Amino acid sequence: SEEGQAASPILCGRCRTDKWVVGLPLPCKGTGHPYCETALAAELRRVGRWKMFVRSDREPAIRALINAACATVTRVQGIEAVPEPVRLGDSDANGLAENAVKEVKAKARSVKYALETLLGESVALDHACVPFMVMHGVPCLNRGRRETSGKTPYERRYGRCWTGKVAEFSERVMWLPEGKRASRIDSGYRAGIFLGLVEGAAAYDVG
């Protein structure tokens, strides 16, 4: 927290095989809101494997969430997702998670600093745009940061470079609503604020 303001919890992790970073802003810890399980289950599906071990620390709320998400992808997608609490003293597994936490927080701070510099004022931690900062920063890490192998996590996971386009967070952009235009004279485009990439889809969040 900062200046007495409470920040939303962020679930962070990293895939051991392709170094993919996960950073999910959640409304609460554990399974207290249905979005928590839905968001984590979507991340597990995107790993692209039919069997995986999902490690976590021993905090009850996190274990409950991982158990629920693993059960969902196993039941619905047929993916064998096995929850596995990290053994005490397993420095390798703990280090992988701790580094992911540091990277996600650092990237979010960078996005926040850039936004505050642009606006010329501070952004409160409970502002509605803060979760989007995290959700924008994490895809940038996976697509732009090269590992020691010389490849980005995106290249390692999908076997190709990411060739999409990205605007600066909060940049004014033109977007096109879905559906048929009411008038041919109207171009259909509308002005909006860029809020980041939508992971797992060829789409963007626009405010």
C-alpha atoms as a PDB file:
ATOM      1  CA  SER A   1       0.000   0.000   0.000  1.00  0.00           C
ATOM      2  CA  GLU A   2       0.991   3.625  -0.428  1.00  0.00           C
ATOM      3  CA  GLU A   3      -0.228   6.692   1.495  1.00  0.00           C
ATOM      4  CA  GLY A   4      -2.794   4.568   3.281  1.00  0.00           C
ATOM      5  CA  GLN A   5      -4.369   3.278   0.065  1.00  0.00           C
ATOM      6  CA  ALA A   6      -4.887  -0.447  -0.363  1.00  0.00           C
ATOM      7  CA  ALA A   7      -3.773  -1.965  -3.648  1.00  0.00           C
ATOM      8  CA  SER A   8      -5.541  -4.909  -5.245  1.00  0.00           C
ATOM      9  CA  PRO A   9      -3.704  -8.255  -4.931  1.00  0.00           C
ATOM     10  CA  ILE A  10      -1.668  -9.398  -7.946  1.00  0.00           C
ATOM     11  CA  LEU A  11      -1.124 -13.101  -8.572  1.00  0.00           C
ATOM     12  CA  CYS A  12       2.338 -13.534 -10.110  1.00  0.00           C
ATOM     13  CA  GLY A  13       4.109 -16.545 -11.532  1.00  0.00           C
ATOM     14  CA  ARG A  14       6.355 -17.878 -14.270  1.00  0.00           C
ATOM     15  CA  CYS A  15       6.281 -20.930 -16.499  1.00  0.00           C
ATOM     16  CA  ARG A  16       9.464 -22.915 -15.995  1.00  0.00           C
ATOM     17  CA  THR A  17       9.732 -24.138 -19.604  1.00  0.00           C
ATOM     18  CA  ASP A  18       9.211 -20.977 -21.671  1.00  0.00           C
ATOM     19  CA  LYS A  19       9.793 -18.318 -18.954  1.00  0.00           C
ATOM     20  CA  TRP A  20       6.335 -16.834 -19.596  1.00  0.00           C
ATOM     21  CA  VAL A  21       5.462 -14.288 -16.897  1.00  0.00           C
ATOM     22  CA  VAL A  22       2.003 -14.159 -15.332  1.00  0.00           C
ATOM     23  CA  GLY A  23       0.636 -11.109 -13.534  1.00  0.00           C
ATOM     24  CA  LEU A  24      -3.078 -11.118 -12.745  1.00  0.00           C
ATOM     25  CA  PRO A  25      -4.674  -8.214 -10.843  1.00  0.00           C
ATOM     26  CA  LEU A  26      -7.471  -9.798  -8.823  1.00  0.00           C
ATOM     27  CA  PRO A  27     -10.407  -8.329  -6.894  1.00  0.00           C
ATOM     28  CA  CYS A  28      -9.482 -10.404  -3.837  1.00  0.00           C
ATOM     29  CA  LYS A  29      -7.296 -13.241  -2.625  1.00  0.00           C
ATOM     30  CA  GLY A  30      -8.421 -16.811  -3.015  1.00  0.00           C
ATOM     31  CA  THR A  31     -11.767 -17.813  -4.490  1.00  0.00           C
ATOM     32  CA  GLY A  32     -13.887 -15.017  -3.036  1.00  0.00           C
ATOM     33  CA  HIS A  33     -14.768 -13.703  -6.514  1.00  0.00           C
ATOM     34  CA  PRO A  34     -15.510 -15.862  -9.593  1.00  0.00           C
ATOM     35  CA  TYR A  35     -13.158 -13.766 -11.769  1.00  0.00           C
ATOM     36  CA  CYS A  36     -10.130 -15.048  -9.827  1.00  0.00           C
ATOM     37  CA  GLU A  37     -10.669 -18.656 -10.862  1.00  0.00           C
ATOM     38  CA  THR A  38     -11.679 -17.699 -14.412  1.00  0.00           C
ATOM     39  CA  ALA A  39      -8.549 -15.583 -14.972  1.00  0.00           C
ATOM     40  CA  LEU A  40      -6.143 -18.209 -13.636  1.00  0.00           C
ATOM     41  CA  ALA A  41      -7.833 -21.027 -15.558  1.00  0.00           C
ATOM     42  CA  ALA A  42      -7.448 -19.000 -18.770  1.00  0.00           C
ATOM     43  CA  GLU A  43      -3.715 -18.616 -18.077  1.00  0.00           C
ATOM     44  CA  LEU A  44      -3.345 -22.360 -17.531  1.00  0.00           C
ATOM     45  CA  ARG A  45      -5.106 -23.104 -20.824  1.00  0.00           C
ATOM     46  CA  ARG A  46      -2.738 -20.773 -22.688  1.00  0.00           C
ATOM     47  CA  VAL A  47       0.317 -22.731 -21.533  1.00  0.00           C
ATOM     48  CA  GLY A  48      -0.456 -25.145 -24.374  1.00  0.00           C
ATOM     49  CA  ARG A  49       0.363 -28.390 -22.567  1.00  0.00           C
ATOM     50  CA  TRP A  50      -1.848 -31.337 -21.698  1.00  0.00           C
ATOM     51  CA  LYS A  51      -0.108 -32.010 -18.408  1.00  0.00           C
ATOM     52  CA  MET A  52       1.395 -29.554 -15.950  1.00  0.00           C
ATOM     53  CA  PHE A  53       2.284 -29.123 -12.313  1.00  0.00           C
ATOM     54  CA  VAL A  54       1.142 -25.823 -10.818  1.00  0.00           C
ATOM     55  CA  ARG A  55       3.324 -24.901  -7.888  1.00  0.00           C
ATOM     56  CA  SER A  56       2.517 -22.331  -5.238  1.00  0.00           C
ATOM     57  CA  ASP A  57       3.436 -21.385  -1.715  1.00  0.00           C
ATOM     58  CA  ARG A  58       1.446 -22.764   1.177  1.00  0.00           C
ATOM     59  CA  GLU A  59      -0.818 -19.780   1.831  1.00  0.00           C
ATOM     60  CA  PRO A  60      -4.363 -21.208   2.142  1.00  0.00           C
ATOM     61  CA  ALA A  61      -6.015 -18.579  -0.078  1.00  0.00           C
ATOM     62  CA  ILE A  62      -3.567 -19.138  -2.951  1.00  0.00           C
ATOM     63  CA  ARG A  63      -3.788 -22.924  -2.625  1.00  0.00           C
ATOM     64  CA  ALA A  64      -7.601 -22.747  -2.723  1.00  0.00           C
ATOM     65  CA  LEU A  65      -7.496 -20.655  -5.900  1.00  0.00           C
ATOM     66  CA  ILE A  66      -4.986 -22.912  -7.656  1.00  0.00           C
ATOM     67  CA  ASN A  67      -6.918 -26.048  -6.661  1.00  0.00           C
ATOM     68  CA  ALA A  68     -10.110 -24.561  -8.106  1.00  0.00           C
ATOM     69  CA  ALA A  69      -8.490 -23.392 -11.370  1.00  0.00           C
ATOM     70  CA  CYS A  70      -6.713 -26.730 -11.877  1.00  0.00           C
ATOM     71  CA  ALA A  71      -9.954 -28.607 -11.298  1.00  0.00           C
ATOM     72  CA  THR A  72     -11.710 -26.399 -13.868  1.00  0.00           C
ATOM     73  CA  VAL A  73      -9.204 -26.885 -16.702  1.00  0.00           C
ATOM     74  CA  THR A  74      -8.997 -30.601 -15.935  1.00  0.00           C
ATOM     75  CA  ARG A  75     -12.784 -30.992 -16.050  1.00  0.00           C
ATOM     76  CA  VAL A  76     -13.553 -28.646 -18.964  1.00  0.00           C
ATOM     77  CA  GLN A  77     -10.465 -28.865 -21.216  1.00  0.00           C
ATOM     78  CA  GLY A  78      -9.139 -32.279 -20.277  1.00  0.00           C
ATOM     79  CA  ILE A  79      -5.790 -30.772 -19.228  1.00  0.00           C
ATOM     80  CA  GLU A  80      -4.108 -32.669 -16.419  1.00  0.00           C
ATOM     81  CA  ALA A  81      -3.271 -29.756 -14.127  1.00  0.00           C
ATOM     82  CA  VAL A  82      -1.875 -30.924 -10.803  1.00  0.00           C
ATOM     83  CA  PRO A  83      -1.602 -28.500  -7.835  1.00  0.00           C
ATOM     84  CA  GLU A  84       1.701 -28.910  -6.038  1.00  0.00           C
ATOM     85  CA  PRO A  85       2.624 -26.825  -2.968  1.00  0.00           C
ATOM     86  CA  VAL A  86       6.297 -25.873  -2.951  1.00  0.00           C
ATOM     87  CA  ARG A  87       8.318 -27.887  -0.496  1.00  0.00           C
ATOM     88  CA  LEU A  88       9.905 -25.995   2.362  1.00  0.00           C
ATOM     89  CA  GLY A  89      13.433 -25.062   1.436  1.00  0.00           C
ATOM     90  CA  ASP A  90      12.899 -25.409  -2.333  1.00  0.00           C
ATOM     91  CA  SER A  91      14.898 -22.289  -3.225  1.00  0.00           C
ATOM     92  CA  ASP A  92      14.739 -22.921  -6.985  1.00  0.00           C
ATOM     93  CA  ALA A  93      10.932 -22.864  -7.163  1.00  0.00           C
ATOM     94  CA  ASN A  94      10.666 -19.969  -4.710  1.00  0.00           C
ATOM     95  CA  GLY A  95      13.263 -17.990  -6.654  1.00  0.00           C
ATOM     96  CA  LEU A  96      11.343 -18.422  -9.913  1.00  0.00           C
ATOM     97  CA  ALA A  97       8.191 -16.996  -8.333  1.00  0.00           C
ATOM     98  CA  GLU A  98       9.975 -14.213  -6.444  1.00  0.00           C
ATOM     99  CA  ASN A  99      11.690 -13.007  -9.623  1.00  0.00           C
ATOM    100  CA  ALA A 100       8.322 -12.935 -11.395  1.00  0.00           C
ATOM    101  CA  VAL A 101       6.879 -10.788  -8.596  1.00  0.00           C
ATOM    102  CA  LYS A 102       9.783  -8.338  -8.871  1.00  0.00           C
ATOM    103  CA  GLU A 103       9.494  -8.076 -12.655  1.00  0.00           C
ATOM    104  CA  VAL A 104       5.722  -7.568 -12.669  1.00  0.00           C
ATOM    105  CA  LYS A 105       5.878  -4.890  -9.971  1.00  0.00           C
ATOM    106  CA  ALA A 106       8.812  -3.125 -11.633  1.00  0.00           C
ATOM    107  CA  LYS A 107       7.032  -3.009 -14.982  1.00  0.00           C
ATOM    108  CA  ALA A 108       3.828  -1.729 -13.405  1.00  0.00           C
ATOM    109  CA  ARG A 109       5.797   1.010 -11.640  1.00  0.00           C
ATOM    110  CA  SER A 110       7.369   1.999 -14.963  1.00  0.00           C
ATOM    111  CA  VAL A 111       3.974   2.248 -16.656  1.00  0.00           C
ATOM    112  CA  LYS A 112       2.616   4.242 -13.708  1.00  0.00           C
ATOM    113  CA  TYR A 113       5.587   6.623 -13.752  1.00  0.00           C
ATOM    114  CA  ALA A 114       5.204   7.199 -17.510  1.00  0.00           C
ATOM    115  CA  LEU A 115       1.501   7.944 -17.066  1.00  0.00           C
ATOM    116  CA  GLU A 116       2.112  10.343 -14.179  1.00  0.00           C
ATOM    117  CA  THR A 117       4.823  12.116 -16.183  1.00  0.00           C
ATOM    118  CA  LEU A 118       2.409  12.483 -19.088  1.00  0.00           C
ATOM    119  CA  LEU A 119      -0.411  13.787 -16.887  1.00  0.00           C
ATOM    120  CA  GLY A 120       1.735  15.896 -14.583  1.00  0.00           C
ATOM    121  CA  GLU A 121       0.010  14.481 -11.501  1.00  0.00           C
ATOM    122  CA  SER A 122       0.007  11.354  -9.368  1.00  0.00           C
ATOM    123  CA  VAL A 123      -2.310   8.399  -9.914  1.00  0.00           C
ATOM    124  CA  ALA A 124      -3.966   6.908  -6.832  1.00  0.00           C
ATOM    125  CA  LEU A 125      -3.442   3.192  -6.247  1.00  0.00           C
ATOM    126  CA  ASP A 126      -7.199   2.607  -6.106  1.00  0.00           C
ATOM    127  CA  HIS A 127      -7.804   4.261  -9.488  1.00  0.00           C
ATOM    128  CA  ALA A 128      -9.661   2.121 -12.017  1.00  0.00           C
ATOM    129  CA  CYS A 129      -6.739   2.253 -14.485  1.00  0.00           C
ATOM    130  CA  VAL A 130      -4.199   0.613 -12.127  1.00  0.00           C
ATOM    131  CA  PRO A 131      -5.147  -3.032 -12.914  1.00  0.00           C
ATOM    132  CA  PHE A 132      -4.827  -2.183 -16.615  1.00  0.00           C
ATOM    133  CA  MET A 133      -1.259  -0.991 -15.974  1.00  0.00           C
ATOM    134  CA  VAL A 134      -0.370  -4.484 -14.802  1.00  0.00           C
ATOM    135  CA  MET A 135      -2.301  -6.182 -17.595  1.00  0.00           C
ATOM    136  CA  HIS A 136      -0.482  -3.963 -20.119  1.00  0.00           C
ATOM    137  CA  GLY A 137       2.981  -4.337 -18.603  1.00  0.00           C
ATOM    138  CA  VAL A 138       3.036  -8.147 -18.408  1.00  0.00           C
ATOM    139  CA  PRO A 139       2.396  -8.747 -22.153  1.00  0.00           C
ATOM    140  CA  CYS A 140       5.129  -6.211 -22.889  1.00  0.00           C
ATOM    141  CA  LEU A 141       7.533  -8.304 -20.794  1.00  0.00           C
ATOM    142  CA  ASN A 142       6.580 -11.521 -22.575  1.00  0.00           C
ATOM    143  CA  ARG A 143       6.885  -9.963 -26.011  1.00  0.00           C
ATOM    144  CA  GLY A 144       9.806  -7.601 -25.582  1.00  0.00           C
ATOM    145  CA  ARG A 145      12.268  -8.945 -23.018  1.00  0.00           C
ATOM    146  CA  ARG A 146      14.803 -11.437 -24.365  1.00  0.00           C
ATOM    147  CA  GLU A 147      16.048 -14.247 -22.157  1.00  0.00           C
ATOM    148  CA  THR A 148      19.645 -15.545 -22.116  1.00  0.00           C
ATOM    149  CA  SER A 149      18.668 -17.801 -25.034  1.00  0.00           C
ATOM    150  CA  GLY A 150      18.130 -14.698 -27.157  1.00  0.00           C
ATOM    151  CA  LYS A 151      14.397 -15.383 -27.443  1.00  0.00           C
ATOM    152  CA  THR A 152      11.433 -13.718 -25.812  1.00  0.00           C
ATOM    153  CA  PRO A 153       8.947 -15.802 -23.813  1.00  0.00           C
ATOM    154  CA  TYR A 154       6.463 -15.238 -26.650  1.00  0.00           C
ATOM    155  CA  GLU A 155       8.915 -16.755 -29.174  1.00  0.00           C
ATOM    156  CA  ARG A 156       9.600 -19.713 -26.903  1.00  0.00           C
ATOM    157  CA  ARG A 157       5.897 -20.412 -26.415  1.00  0.00           C
ATOM    158  CA  TYR A 158       4.592 -19.829 -29.950  1.00  0.00           C
ATOM    159  CA  GLY A 159       7.697 -20.397 -32.075  1.00  0.00           C
ATOM    160  CA  ARG A 160       7.559 -17.004 -33.784  1.00  0.00           C
ATOM    161  CA  CYS A 161       8.150 -13.324 -33.083  1.00  0.00           C
ATOM    162  CA  TRP A 162       5.239 -11.129 -32.086  1.00  0.00           C
ATOM    163  CA  THR A 163       4.460  -8.734 -34.949  1.00  0.00           C
ATOM    164  CA  GLY A 164       1.507  -6.843 -33.509  1.00  0.00           C
ATOM    165  CA  LYS A 165       1.353  -3.139 -32.775  1.00  0.00           C
ATOM    166  CA  VAL A 166       1.114  -1.466 -29.413  1.00  0.00           C
ATOM    167  CA  ALA A 167       0.459   2.115 -28.352  1.00  0.00           C
ATOM    168  CA  GLU A 168       1.698   3.848 -25.220  1.00  0.00           C
ATOM    169  CA  PHE A 169      -0.475   3.263 -22.175  1.00  0.00           C
ATOM    170  CA  SER A 170      -3.210   5.961 -21.996  1.00  0.00           C
ATOM    171  CA  GLU A 171      -2.434   7.174 -25.537  1.00  0.00           C
ATOM    172  CA  ARG A 172      -5.413   8.544 -27.463  1.00  0.00           C
ATOM    173  CA  VAL A 173      -6.313   6.069 -30.213  1.00  0.00           C
ATOM    174  CA  MET A 174      -9.045   5.553 -32.784  1.00  0.00           C
ATOM    175  CA  TRP A 175     -11.061   2.340 -32.476  1.00  0.00           C
ATOM    176  CA  LEU A 176     -13.769   0.737 -34.563  1.00  0.00           C
ATOM    177  CA  PRO A 177     -16.857  -0.713 -32.854  1.00  0.00           C
ATOM    178  CA  GLU A 178     -18.131  -4.088 -34.019  1.00  0.00           C
ATOM    179  CA  GLY A 179     -21.263  -4.399 -36.097  1.00  0.00           C
ATOM    180  CA  LYS A 180     -22.731  -2.583 -39.067  1.00  0.00           C
ATOM    181  CA  ARG A 181     -22.370   1.204 -39.282  1.00  0.00           C
ATOM    182  CA  ALA A 182     -25.577   3.219 -39.011  1.00  0.00           C
ATOM    183  CA  SER A 183     -24.470   5.543 -41.824  1.00  0.00           C
ATOM    184  CA  ARG A 184     -22.036   5.192 -44.705  1.00  0.00           C
ATOM    185  CA  ILE A 185     -21.049   8.827 -44.245  1.00  0.00           C
ATOM    186  CA  ASP A 186     -19.873   8.057 -40.707  1.00  0.00           C
ATOM    187  CA  SER A 187     -16.450   6.341 -40.776  1.00  0.00           C
ATOM    188  CA  GLY A 188     -17.419   4.426 -37.643  1.00  0.00           C
ATOM    189  CA  TYR A 189     -14.184   5.171 -35.796  1.00  0.00           C
ATOM    190  CA  ARG A 190     -14.313   6.553 -32.258  1.00  0.00           C
ATOM    191  CA  ALA A 191     -11.706   8.169 -30.022  1.00  0.00           C
ATOM    192  CA  GLY A 192     -10.567   6.236 -26.958  1.00  0.00           C
ATOM    193  CA  ILE A 193      -7.741   5.674 -24.480  1.00  0.00           C
ATOM    194  CA  PHE A 194      -5.364   2.768 -25.031  1.00  0.00           C
ATOM    195  CA  LEU A 195      -5.316   0.451 -21.984  1.00  0.00           C
ATOM    196  CA  GLY A 196      -3.234  -2.457 -23.267  1.00  0.00           C
ATOM    197  CA  LEU A 197      -3.221  -5.799 -25.017  1.00  0.00           C
ATOM    198  CA  VAL A 198      -5.789  -8.520 -24.397  1.00  0.00           C
ATOM    199  CA  GLU A 199      -3.794 -11.702 -23.754  1.00  0.00           C
ATOM    200  CA  GLY A 200      -4.874 -14.683 -25.797  1.00  0.00           C
ATOM    201  CA  ALA A 201      -6.773 -12.637 -28.388  1.00  0.00           C
ATOM    202  CA  ALA A 202      -5.958 -10.320 -31.273  1.00  0.00           C
ATOM    203  CA  ALA A 203      -7.589  -7.423 -29.454  1.00  0.00           C
ATOM    204  CA  TYR A 204      -6.896  -4.420 -27.268  1.00  0.00           C
ATOM    205  CA  ASP A 205      -8.484  -2.832 -24.217  1.00  0.00           C
ATOM    206  CA  VAL A 206      -9.704   0.684 -25.008  1.00  0.00           C
ATOM    207  CA  GLY A 207     -11.352   3.010 -22.510  1.00  0.00           C
END
